[in-house]
C-alpha cells in the first residue's frame, strides 16, 4: 500500500486551477473522443439516421452515450484506486487464474482487429485524390491505402516521452478541428428544421421506425460514444497519465524516448490506506475524472453524433438517395457534389471523413497493442524477464506483426461491414464485464467504494447492450433477429 499522491505532485504544478487542469491534467478524454468521434458517428449512426430517420434512433444513441459515461466512471474508479489496468483486474475475479484477463483481451481483439477504419479512411483518401467514388477494382487500391495508414500509426507511436501523451496532443488538434469544422459546415448547409429534427430526435423517447431490426440499431448503440462494454481498454491511458494510484505504476514510453529517468512499470497495481488524508485526495481525483467524462467526453460524443446525423439526413432528403453500407464512407461527399454544393465542401467532406476514420484507427491499433502488452506484462513474470522490464521490446515488434494481420483482414469484407461486426462484439462485452466490475469495485478501500446506484447502473448497462447483442447473435445463427420493432 501507499498513500494517494496529490495532483500537484503528479503533474508538477503549484496549483490545479483552470489553466493547469486544461493543459496538464485533462487529456485521456480527448483520446476517448478520438475513438468516440469515429465509425459510430461518421458511418453507423448517420447511415441509420439517413435511412430510417431520427425517431427512436437518436434516443437510443443518447441512452448509449449516458450509460457509457457512467460505465466509464466505474472503470475509472478501479484504475484510480489501484493504478492497475482493468484487463488485469478482471483476472482477479473468480475463478481467478487470469481467466478474466484472457477473456477481456480476447473479446477486444474479436471486436477491433478488423481494420475497418483504415479501409474506410482509404476510401475517403482515394476519392479525395482522384475525385472518383471507388468501385470494383478501385476497392483494392483503397485497401492498400488502408494498409499504408497502419504504417503511419506505427510511426506516430515512436515519438514522445509517453505514447499516451503523444496521442493526447495529437487528438487535441484533430478533435477540435473535426468538431469546429463540422459545426460550421452543418450550420451553413442545413436549414434550422434539420437541426430541430436532430435535437428532438436525440431527446424524445421513442422506438425506431416499425419494421427496423434490432440488429441494425445494435451496431449504432455499440459504437455511439465509444465501444460500449469494451470501454475499459481506453482507461489504460489514465494509468499512463498518472491519475490517482496510476502515478505509482508507471507508463509505456515511446521507442525514441530516453531511457534515463523512465520508471519501470509495476506488474500489478497497489491501493491506499483508509486515512482521512487519502479520502480527501480521493475526492479530488474523482472530481477530475468526473470533469473528463461530463465536460469533455459526453458533450463531445453528443455533438460528434448530432452534426453528422443532421448533415446526412438532410442530404438524403435533398437528393432522395438513402445511404447504404457500401456507400457510407463517401456518401456525404458524393451527395454534396450531387446537390450542387461548392467543390470546397466536397473536398472538406472527404478530408474530414479521412481524418475521423484515420484517427479512430490510430487509437484502435495502439490499444490493441497496448492491451496485449499490459496483459502479458502484468500476468507473467517470465515475460517481464524476457523483455528485461522494458515493454517497448515487445510493444513495437508485436505492433508490426499485428499490422500485417489487420492488413490481411482489410481485404476480406466491406469496411462498414467490418465496423458493424466490431460494434456488436462490443455489446457482447457489455453483457459480461459490468458484473466483473461490480466485484472489483466492492473490494476497493472504503473512500473509493461505489454507492448502491453504481451497481444499478452497471446492471442497466448489461441489459441495454446485451439486448442488442442477443439480437445480433440470433440473426447470425438463424438469419432472423429475435426482435423487430
Protein backbone atom coordinates (compact mmCIF):
# COMPACT_ATOMS: atom_id res chain seq x y z
CA UNK A 1 0.00 0.00 0.00
CA UNK A 2 0.96 3.61 -0.49
CA UNK A 3 -0.68 6.98 0.05
CA UNK A 4 -2.56 8.67 -2.76
CA UNK A 5 -0.39 11.40 -4.26
CA UNK A 6 -1.70 14.91 -4.76
CA UNK A 7 -2.45 16.12 -8.30
CA UNK A 8 0.18 18.82 -7.76
CA UNK A 9 2.82 16.17 -7.08
CA UNK A 10 1.89 14.08 -10.10
CA UNK A 11 1.62 16.88 -12.65
CA UNK A 12 4.40 19.02 -11.14
CA UNK A 13 2.33 22.17 -10.72
CA UNK A 14 1.99 24.54 -7.76
CA UNK A 15 -1.80 24.62 -8.04
CA UNK A 16 -4.61 23.00 -10.01
CA UNK A 17 -6.51 25.99 -11.35
CA UNK A 18 -8.39 26.12 -14.68
CA UNK A 19 -5.21 26.61 -16.74
CA UNK A 20 -3.38 23.71 -15.11
CA UNK A 21 -6.46 21.50 -15.33
CA UNK A 22 -6.75 22.00 -19.08
CA UNK A 23 -3.06 21.94 -20.02
CA UNK A 24 -1.69 19.38 -17.56
CA UNK A 25 -4.42 17.23 -16.02
CA UNK A 26 -7.12 16.68 -18.61
CA UNK A 27 -6.22 14.63 -21.65
CA UNK A 28 -7.28 10.97 -21.66
CA UNK A 29 -10.86 12.00 -22.50
CA UNK A 30 -9.52 13.57 -25.70
CA UNK A 31 -8.09 10.17 -26.68
CA UNK A 32 -11.52 8.71 -25.88
CA UNK A 33 -13.13 11.30 -28.15
CA UNK A 34 -10.61 10.33 -30.80
CA UNK A 35 -12.24 6.90 -30.73
CA UNK A 36 -15.71 8.25 -29.92
CA UNK A 37 -15.98 10.59 -32.91
CA UNK A 38 -15.28 7.82 -35.34
CA UNK A 39 -17.06 4.99 -37.09
CA UNK A 40 -20.20 5.23 -34.97
CA UNK A 41 -20.50 8.95 -35.67
CA UNK A 42 -19.35 9.07 -39.30
CA UNK A 43 -20.55 5.67 -40.56
CA UNK A 44 -23.03 3.66 -38.47
CA UNK A 45 -25.09 6.40 -36.80
CA UNK A 46 -25.53 8.66 -39.85
CA UNK A 47 -26.24 5.65 -42.06
CA UNK A 48 -29.07 4.55 -39.74
CA UNK A 49 -30.39 8.12 -39.35
CA UNK A 50 -30.19 8.82 -43.09
CA UNK A 51 -32.07 5.66 -44.00
CA UNK A 52 -34.50 5.38 -41.05
CA UNK A 53 -34.87 8.95 -39.73
CA UNK A 54 -34.17 10.37 -36.28
CA UNK A 55 -37.21 8.94 -34.47
CA UNK A 56 -36.15 6.29 -31.98
CA UNK A 57 -32.62 6.04 -33.40
CA UNK A 58 -31.48 9.33 -31.86
CA UNK A 59 -32.92 8.48 -28.45
CA UNK A 60 -31.12 5.12 -28.36
CA UNK A 61 -27.88 6.96 -29.20
CA UNK A 62 -28.42 9.33 -26.26
CA UNK A 63 -29.08 6.45 -23.85
CA UNK A 64 -25.94 4.70 -25.10
CA UNK A 65 -23.76 7.79 -24.54
CA UNK A 66 -25.04 8.38 -20.99
CA UNK A 67 -24.75 4.71 -19.98
CA UNK A 68 -21.22 4.54 -21.36
CA UNK A 69 -20.15 7.65 -19.45
CA UNK A 70 -21.48 6.14 -16.20
CA UNK A 71 -19.79 2.82 -17.02
CA UNK A 72 -16.52 4.68 -17.70
CA UNK A 73 -16.73 6.30 -14.28
CA UNK A 74 -16.91 2.92 -12.58
CA UNK A 75 -14.00 1.56 -14.61
CA UNK A 76 -12.08 4.72 -13.75
CA UNK A 77 -12.88 4.17 -10.09
CA UNK A 78 -10.90 0.93 -10.18
CA UNK A 79 -7.97 2.38 -12.15
CA UNK A 80 -7.63 5.48 -9.94
CA UNK A 81 -7.85 3.45 -6.74
CA UNK A 82 -5.37 0.73 -7.77
CA UNK A 83 -3.24 2.05 -10.64
CA UNK A 84 -3.96 -1.24 -12.41
CA UNK A 85 -5.33 -1.61 -15.93
CA UNK A 86 -8.83 -3.17 -15.99
CA UNK A 87 -7.88 -6.22 -18.08
CA UNK A 88 -5.54 -7.32 -15.27
CA UNK A 89 -8.16 -6.55 -12.66
CA UNK A 90 -10.67 -8.81 -14.41
CA UNK A 91 -8.16 -11.66 -13.98
CA UNK A 92 -8.70 -11.34 -10.20
CA UNK A 93 -12.42 -12.07 -10.46
CA UNK A 94 -13.30 -15.69 -9.54
CA UNK A 95 -12.21 -18.18 -10.72
CA UNK A 96 -9.04 -16.08 -10.99
CA UNK A 97 -6.01 -17.57 -12.78
CA UNK A 98 -6.24 -14.68 -15.26
CA UNK A 99 -9.33 -16.18 -16.91
CA UNK A 100 -10.94 -12.73 -16.92
CA UNK A 101 -7.81 -11.19 -18.43
CA UNK A 102 -7.77 -13.70 -21.27
CA UNK A 103 -11.47 -13.09 -21.90
CA UNK A 104 -11.06 -9.30 -21.82
CA UNK A 105 -8.18 -9.26 -24.29
CA UNK A 106 -9.81 -11.91 -26.48
CA UNK A 107 -13.10 -10.03 -26.84
CA UNK A 108 -11.27 -6.81 -27.56
CA UNK A 109 -9.39 -8.50 -30.37
CA UNK A 110 -12.55 -10.07 -31.79
CA UNK A 111 -14.08 -6.60 -31.99
CA UNK A 112 -11.21 -4.41 -33.13
CA UNK A 113 -8.80 -6.49 -35.19
CA UNK A 114 -10.88 -5.99 -38.37
CA UNK A 115 -9.21 -2.77 -39.60
CA UNK A 116 -12.47 -1.39 -40.99
CA UNK A 117 -11.48 2.16 -40.01
CA UNK A 118 -8.28 2.17 -42.05
CA UNK A 119 -10.15 0.68 -45.02
CA UNK A 120 -12.87 3.34 -44.79
CA UNK A 121 -10.26 6.09 -44.45
CA UNK A 122 -8.58 4.68 -47.54
CA UNK A 123 -11.83 5.06 -49.49
CA UNK A 124 -12.09 8.74 -48.48
CA UNK A 125 -8.44 9.36 -49.38
CA UNK A 126 -8.88 7.68 -52.79
CA UNK A 127 -11.82 9.90 -53.68
CA UNK A 128 -10.05 12.99 -52.32
CA UNK A 129 -7.13 12.39 -54.70
CA UNK A 130 -8.96 11.06 -57.78
CA UNK A 131 -12.40 12.66 -57.46
CA UNK A 132 -13.99 9.24 -58.15
CA UNK A 133 -16.11 7.08 -55.86
CA UNK A 134 -14.26 3.75 -55.53
CA UNK A 135 -15.97 0.80 -57.25
CA UNK A 136 -14.85 -2.60 -58.46
CA UNK A 137 -11.09 -2.79 -58.75
CA UNK A 138 -10.72 0.57 -57.02
CA UNK A 139 -11.60 -1.14 -53.74
CA UNK A 140 -8.29 -2.98 -53.86
CA UNK A 141 -6.48 0.34 -54.13
CA UNK A 142 -8.40 1.81 -51.18
CA UNK A 143 -7.47 -1.20 -49.07
CA UNK A 144 -3.80 -0.82 -49.92
CA UNK A 145 -4.11 2.80 -48.82
CA UNK A 146 -5.55 1.47 -45.56
CA UNK A 147 -2.50 -0.76 -45.17
CA UNK A 148 -0.26 2.27 -45.64
CA UNK A 149 -2.18 4.12 -42.93
CA UNK A 150 -1.41 1.30 -40.50
CA UNK A 151 2.27 2.03 -41.08
CA UNK A 152 1.65 5.70 -40.35
CA UNK A 153 0.15 4.79 -36.97
CA UNK A 154 3.31 2.85 -36.12
CA UNK A 155 5.41 5.91 -36.93
CA UNK A 156 3.30 8.18 -34.71
CA UNK A 157 3.88 5.96 -31.65
CA UNK A 158 7.66 6.26 -31.95
CA UNK A 159 7.82 9.77 -30.59
CA UNK A 160 7.35 11.40 -27.20
CA UNK A 161 8.25 10.52 -23.64
CA UNK A 162 4.87 8.82 -23.18
CA UNK A 163 2.92 7.26 -26.06
CA UNK A 164 -0.28 8.33 -24.32
CA UNK A 165 0.89 11.95 -24.14
CA UNK A 166 1.77 11.93 -27.85
CA UNK A 167 -1.79 10.78 -28.62
CA UNK A 168 -3.27 13.40 -26.28
CA UNK A 169 -1.52 16.27 -28.05
CA UNK A 170 -2.39 14.92 -31.49
CA UNK A 171 -6.04 14.44 -30.59
CA UNK A 172 -6.45 17.90 -29.03
CA UNK A 173 -5.75 19.22 -32.53
CA UNK A 174 -7.71 16.64 -34.54
CA UNK A 175 -10.83 16.52 -32.36
CA UNK A 176 -11.15 20.30 -32.12
CA UNK A 177 -10.66 20.60 -35.88
CA UNK A 178 -13.36 18.00 -36.54
CA UNK A 179 -15.92 19.48 -34.13
CA UNK A 180 -15.41 23.09 -35.21
CA UNK A 181 -15.48 22.45 -38.95
CA UNK A 182 -18.41 20.04 -38.65
CA UNK A 183 -20.40 22.65 -36.76
CA UNK A 184 -19.62 25.40 -39.28
CA UNK A 185 -20.36 23.31 -42.39
CA UNK A 186 -23.61 21.91 -40.98
CA UNK A 187 -24.61 25.44 -39.93
CA UNK A 188 -24.03 26.74 -43.47
CA UNK A 189 -25.56 23.86 -45.43
CA UNK A 190 -28.54 22.64 -43.42
CA UNK A 191 -31.76 24.54 -42.56
CA UNK A 192 -32.98 25.14 -38.97
CA UNK A 193 -35.61 22.43 -39.42
CA UNK A 194 -32.88 19.81 -39.83
CA UNK A 195 -31.28 20.95 -36.57
CA UNK A 196 -34.63 20.80 -34.80
CA UNK A 197 -35.25 17.27 -36.09
CA UNK A 198 -31.85 16.20 -34.78
CA UNK A 199 -32.17 17.75 -31.33
CA UNK A 200 -35.71 16.45 -30.86
CA UNK A 201 -34.68 13.01 -32.13
CA UNK A 202 -31.87 12.81 -29.56
CA UNK A 203 -34.06 13.66 -26.55
CA UNK A 204 -37.55 12.40 -27.45
CA UNK A 205 -38.33 8.91 -26.08
CA UNK A 206 -39.48 6.73 -28.98
CA UNK A 207 -38.97 3.36 -30.61
CA UNK A 208 -37.26 3.09 -34.01
CA UNK A 209 -39.50 3.02 -37.11
CA UNK A 210 -41.74 -0.01 -37.48
CA UNK A 211 -40.01 -2.92 -39.13
CA UNK A 212 -36.50 -1.89 -38.06
CA UNK A 213 -34.39 -4.86 -36.98
CA UNK A 214 -32.82 -4.51 -33.55
CA UNK A 215 -29.56 -5.81 -35.04
CA UNK A 216 -29.29 -2.67 -37.20
CA UNK A 217 -29.75 -0.37 -34.22
CA UNK A 218 -27.47 -2.52 -32.06
CA UNK A 219 -24.40 -1.58 -34.09
CA UNK A 220 -25.27 2.10 -33.63
CA UNK A 221 -25.77 1.67 -29.88
CA UNK A 222 -22.50 -0.24 -29.57
CA UNK A 223 -20.40 2.41 -31.28
CA UNK A 224 -22.21 5.59 -30.25
CA UNK A 225 -19.76 7.39 -27.93
CA UNK A 226 -17.07 4.73 -27.74
CA UNK A 227 -17.35 0.92 -27.66
CA UNK A 228 -19.97 0.03 -25.02
CA UNK A 229 -18.66 -2.88 -22.94
CA UNK A 230 -15.09 -2.59 -24.26
CA UNK A 231 -14.59 0.95 -22.97
CA UNK A 232 -12.36 -0.45 -20.23
CA UNK A 233 -9.45 -0.67 -22.69
CA UNK A 234 -9.23 3.11 -23.03
CA UNK A 235 -8.94 3.55 -19.24
CA UNK A 236 -5.34 2.30 -19.51
CA UNK A 237 -4.49 5.86 -20.51
CA UNK A 238 -5.46 7.10 -17.05
CA UNK A 239 -2.83 4.77 -15.62
CA UNK A 240 -0.23 6.16 -18.01
CA UNK A 241 -1.36 9.73 -17.33
CA UNK A 242 -0.72 9.18 -13.61
CA UNK A 243 -4.26 9.61 -12.29
CA UNK A 244 -4.53 8.54 -8.65
CA UNK A 245 -2.54 5.40 -7.90
CA UNK A 246 -1.60 5.20 -11.59
CA UNK A 247 1.27 7.53 -10.73
CA UNK A 248 2.76 4.67 -8.68
CA UNK A 249 2.58 2.18 -11.56
CA UNK A 250 4.47 3.75 -14.47
CA UNK A 251 3.76 4.09 -18.18
CA UNK A 252 4.73 2.82 -21.64
CA UNK A 253 7.29 5.24 -23.16
CA UNK A 254 7.83 5.96 -26.84
CA UNK A 255 10.57 3.97 -28.57
CA UNK A 256 12.68 7.07 -29.12
CA UNK A 257 12.25 8.34 -25.55
CA UNK A 258 15.43 8.46 -23.50
CA UNK A 259 15.77 5.58 -21.05
CA UNK A 260 17.15 7.62 -18.15
CA UNK A 261 14.56 8.62 -15.60
CA UNK A 262 12.00 6.20 -17.05
CA UNK A 263 10.20 4.42 -14.22
CA UNK A 264 9.83 0.67 -14.58
CA UNK A 265 6.18 -0.31 -14.93
CA UNK A 266 4.89 -2.16 -11.89
CA UNK A 267 3.41 -5.53 -12.94
CA UNK A 268 0.38 -5.11 -10.68
CA UNK A 269 -1.37 -2.21 -9.03
CA UNK A 270 -1.42 -1.03 -5.45
CA UNK A 271 -4.02 0.73 -3.37
CA UNK A 272 -4.05 3.18 -0.46
CA UNK A 273 -4.73 3.00 3.30
CA UNK A 274 -8.06 4.28 4.60
CA UNK A 275 -7.00 7.56 6.19
CA UNK A 276 -8.72 10.97 6.24
CA UNK A 277 -5.89 12.41 4.14
CA UNK A 278 -6.28 9.75 1.47
CA UNK A 279 -10.05 10.17 1.50
CA UNK A 280 -9.60 13.90 0.81
CA UNK A 281 -7.18 13.21 -2.06
CA UNK A 282 -9.56 10.59 -3.49
CA UNK A 283 -12.33 13.18 -3.73
CA UNK A 284 -10.00 15.46 -5.69
CA UNK A 285 -9.03 12.74 -8.17
CA UNK A 286 -12.67 11.69 -8.52
CA UNK A 287 -13.55 15.32 -9.34
CA UNK A 288 -11.06 15.35 -12.22
CA UNK A 289 -12.44 12.09 -13.60
CA UNK A 290 -15.99 13.48 -13.47
CA UNK A 291 -14.78 16.61 -15.26
CA UNK A 292 -13.23 14.50 -18.01
CA UNK A 293 -16.40 12.48 -18.51
CA UNK A 294 -19.11 15.13 -18.24
CA UNK A 295 -17.31 18.25 -19.53
CA UNK A 296 -15.37 16.62 -22.39
CA UNK A 297 -16.50 13.08 -23.24
CA UNK A 298 -20.31 13.39 -23.12
CA UNK A 299 -20.67 16.81 -24.84
CA UNK A 300 -18.10 15.81 -27.46
CA UNK A 301 -19.84 12.48 -28.12
CA UNK A 302 -23.26 14.13 -28.47
CA UNK A 303 -22.00 16.86 -30.81
CA UNK A 304 -19.97 14.31 -32.73
CA UNK A 305 -23.08 12.23 -33.44
CA UNK A 306 -25.55 15.10 -33.84
CA UNK A 307 -23.62 17.04 -36.51
CA UNK A 308 -23.01 14.17 -38.99
CA UNK A 309 -26.54 12.88 -38.37
CA UNK A 310 -28.06 16.25 -39.26
CA UNK A 311 -25.86 16.52 -42.35
CA UNK A 312 -26.53 13.02 -43.69
CA UNK A 313 -30.29 13.11 -43.03
CA UNK A 314 -30.54 16.49 -44.80
CA UNK A 315 -28.52 15.30 -47.80
CA UNK A 316 -30.56 12.07 -48.04
CA UNK A 317 -33.78 14.11 -48.04
CA UNK A 318 -32.47 16.63 -50.58
CA UNK A 319 -31.11 14.05 -53.02
CA UNK A 320 -33.64 11.29 -52.46
CA UNK A 321 -30.75 8.83 -52.06
CA UNK A 322 -30.53 6.75 -48.89
CA UNK A 323 -27.08 5.87 -47.52
CA UNK A 324 -26.11 2.20 -47.63
CA UNK A 325 -23.40 0.08 -46.02
CA UNK A 326 -21.40 0.19 -49.25
CA UNK A 327 -21.79 3.92 -49.96
CA UNK A 328 -21.41 5.35 -46.46
CA UNK A 329 -17.63 6.04 -46.39
CA UNK A 330 -18.01 8.60 -49.21
CA UNK A 331 -21.77 9.31 -49.02
CA UNK A 332 -21.51 12.87 -47.67
CA UNK A 333 -19.01 13.97 -50.32
CA UNK A 334 -20.92 12.26 -53.14
CA UNK A 335 -24.25 13.85 -52.17
CA UNK A 336 -22.70 17.28 -51.61
CA UNK A 337 -21.48 17.10 -55.19
CA UNK A 338 -24.82 15.77 -56.45
CA UNK A 339 -26.81 18.55 -54.75
CA UNK A 340 -24.64 21.25 -56.33
CA UNK A 341 -22.68 22.39 -53.29
CA UNK A 342 -19.30 24.00 -53.92
CA UNK A 343 -16.24 21.86 -54.57
CA UNK A 344 -14.82 23.23 -51.31
CA UNK A 345 -17.48 21.32 -49.33
CA UNK A 346 -16.87 18.21 -51.43
CA UNK A 347 -13.17 18.29 -50.58
CA UNK A 348 -13.89 19.06 -46.94
CA UNK A 349 -16.23 16.07 -46.61
CA UNK A 350 -13.62 13.70 -47.97
CA UNK A 351 -10.85 15.17 -45.84
CA UNK A 352 -12.90 15.24 -42.63
CA UNK A 353 -14.07 11.67 -43.25
CA UNK A 354 -10.47 10.62 -43.75
CA UNK A 355 -9.35 12.37 -40.52
CA UNK A 356 -12.21 10.93 -38.46
CA UNK A 357 -11.62 7.35 -39.55
CA UNK A 358 -7.82 7.51 -39.56
CA UNK A 359 -7.59 8.89 -36.04
CA UNK A 360 -10.01 6.15 -34.92
CA UNK A 361 -7.68 3.56 -36.40
CA UNK A 362 -4.77 5.22 -34.56
CA UNK A 363 -6.47 4.63 -31.21
CA UNK A 364 -7.70 1.15 -32.12
CA UNK A 365 -4.29 -0.04 -33.37
CA UNK A 366 -2.46 1.41 -30.38
CA UNK A 367 -4.95 -0.03 -27.88
CA UNK A 368 -4.76 -3.47 -29.48
CA UNK A 369 -1.01 -3.41 -28.96
CA UNK A 370 -1.10 -1.75 -25.53
CA UNK A 371 -3.66 -4.12 -24.01
CA UNK A 372 -1.75 -7.21 -25.11
CA UNK A 373 1.46 -5.76 -23.67
CA UNK A 374 -0.20 -4.75 -20.39
CA UNK A 375 -1.89 -8.15 -20.01
CA UNK A 376 1.28 -10.15 -20.63
CA UNK A 377 3.46 -7.82 -18.55
CA UNK A 378 1.19 -7.96 -15.53
CA UNK A 379 0.38 -11.67 -15.63
CA UNK A 380 3.73 -13.29 -16.48
CA UNK A 381 7.00 -12.93 -14.57
CA UNK A 382 8.71 -14.90 -17.34
CA UNK A 383 7.54 -12.34 -19.90
CA UNK A 384 8.93 -9.49 -17.79
CA UNK A 385 12.30 -11.24 -17.57
CA UNK A 386 12.30 -11.88 -21.32
CA UNK A 387 11.91 -8.19 -22.14
CA UNK A 388 14.16 -7.07 -19.25
CA UNK A 389 11.37 -4.95 -17.75
CA UNK A 390 11.08 -2.75 -20.87
CA UNK A 391 7.64 -3.14 -22.56
CA UNK A 392 8.95 -1.49 -25.72
CA UNK A 393 10.94 -4.63 -26.55
CA UNK A 394 7.64 -6.40 -27.20
CA UNK A 395 5.36 -3.43 -27.98
CA UNK A 396 6.92 -2.45 -31.31
CA UNK A 397 7.68 -5.89 -32.83
CA UNK A 398 4.19 -7.01 -31.86
CA UNK A 399 2.68 -3.90 -33.45
CA UNK A 400 4.38 -4.78 -36.74
CA UNK A 401 3.03 -8.34 -36.68
CA UNK A 402 -0.43 -7.11 -35.70
CA UNK A 403 -0.38 -4.59 -38.55
CA UNK A 404 0.29 -7.39 -41.04
CA UNK A 405 -2.62 -9.45 -39.66
CA UNK A 406 -5.03 -6.49 -39.79
CA UNK A 407 -3.88 -5.68 -43.33
CA UNK A 408 -4.87 -9.18 -44.44
CA UNK A 409 -8.30 -8.86 -42.82
CA UNK A 410 -8.91 -5.48 -44.53
CA UNK A 411 -9.12 -7.28 -47.89
CA UNK A 412 -11.86 -9.68 -46.73
CA UNK A 413 -15.01 -7.54 -46.42
CA UNK A 414 -16.59 -4.14 -46.98
CA UNK A 415 -15.29 -1.55 -44.48
CA UNK A 416 -18.65 -0.75 -42.88
CA UNK A 417 -19.49 -4.46 -42.55
CA UNK A 418 -16.26 -4.89 -40.57
CA UNK A 419 -17.19 -1.98 -38.32
CA UNK A 420 -20.70 -3.37 -37.70
CA UNK A 421 -19.16 -6.65 -36.54
CA UNK A 422 -16.87 -4.75 -34.16
CA UNK A 423 -19.78 -2.80 -32.67
CA UNK A 424 -21.74 -5.94 -31.87
CA UNK A 425 -18.72 -7.63 -30.28
CA UNK A 426 -18.54 -4.57 -28.01
CA UNK A 427 -22.13 -5.24 -26.99
CA UNK A 428 -21.18 -8.80 -26.03
CA UNK A 429 -18.52 -7.40 -23.71
CA UNK A 430 -21.18 -5.20 -22.12
CA UNK A 431 -23.08 -8.32 -21.07
CA UNK A 432 -20.07 -9.65 -19.15
CA UNK A 433 -17.73 -7.03 -17.73
CA UNK A 434 -20.16 -4.87 -15.74
CA UNK A 435 -20.65 -7.85 -13.43
CA UNK A 436 -16.90 -8.40 -13.11
CA UNK A 437 -16.54 -4.70 -12.37
CA UNK A 438 -19.08 -4.96 -9.54
CA UNK A 439 -16.82 -7.50 -7.85
CA UNK A 440 -13.71 -5.36 -8.27
CA UNK A 441 -15.14 -2.06 -7.01
CA UNK A 442 -16.64 -3.81 -3.98
CA UNK A 443 -13.07 -4.67 -2.82
CA UNK A 444 -11.66 -1.13 -3.02
CA UNK A 445 -10.71 0.97 0.04
CA UNK A 446 -13.77 2.48 1.65
CA UNK A 447 -13.30 6.06 0.31
CA UNK A 448 -13.26 4.72 -3.26
CA UNK A 449 -16.15 2.27 -3.00
CA UNK A 450 -19.25 2.84 -5.08
CA UNK A 451 -22.73 3.71 -3.86
CA UNK A 452 -25.65 1.38 -4.46
CA UNK A 453 -26.75 3.25 -7.54
CA UNK A 454 -23.45 2.42 -9.28
CA UNK A 455 -24.42 -1.25 -9.18
CA UNK A 456 -27.85 -0.41 -10.62
CA UNK A 457 -26.15 1.47 -13.47
CA UNK A 458 -23.88 -1.48 -14.24
CA UNK A 459 -26.88 -3.83 -14.41
CA UNK A 460 -28.62 -1.39 -16.80
CA UNK A 461 -25.51 -1.32 -18.99
CA UNK A 462 -25.53 -5.12 -19.22
CA UNK A 463 -29.26 -5.27 -20.00
CA UNK A 464 -29.28 -2.45 -22.58
CA UNK A 465 -26.30 -3.52 -24.66
CA UNK A 466 -26.90 -7.22 -24.02
CA UNK A 467 -30.36 -6.92 -25.61
CA UNK A 468 -28.77 -5.77 -28.85
CA UNK A 469 -26.07 -8.44 -28.82
CA UNK A 470 -28.60 -11.25 -28.33
CA UNK A 471 -30.47 -9.99 -31.39
CA UNK A 472 -27.24 -9.86 -33.37
CA UNK A 473 -26.31 -13.39 -32.31
CA UNK A 474 -29.74 -14.75 -33.28
CA UNK A 475 -29.52 -13.01 -36.64
CA UNK A 476 -26.10 -14.55 -37.32
CA UNK A 477 -27.18 -18.03 -36.21
CA UNK A 478 -30.68 -18.22 -37.71
CA UNK A 479 -30.79 -15.50 -40.33
CA UNK A 480 -33.53 -13.70 -38.44
CA UNK A 481 -33.25 -11.29 -35.48
CA UNK A 482 -35.07 -12.06 -32.25
CA UNK A 483 -36.78 -8.65 -32.16
CA UNK A 484 -38.07 -6.36 -34.90
CA UNK A 485 -39.52 -3.03 -33.77
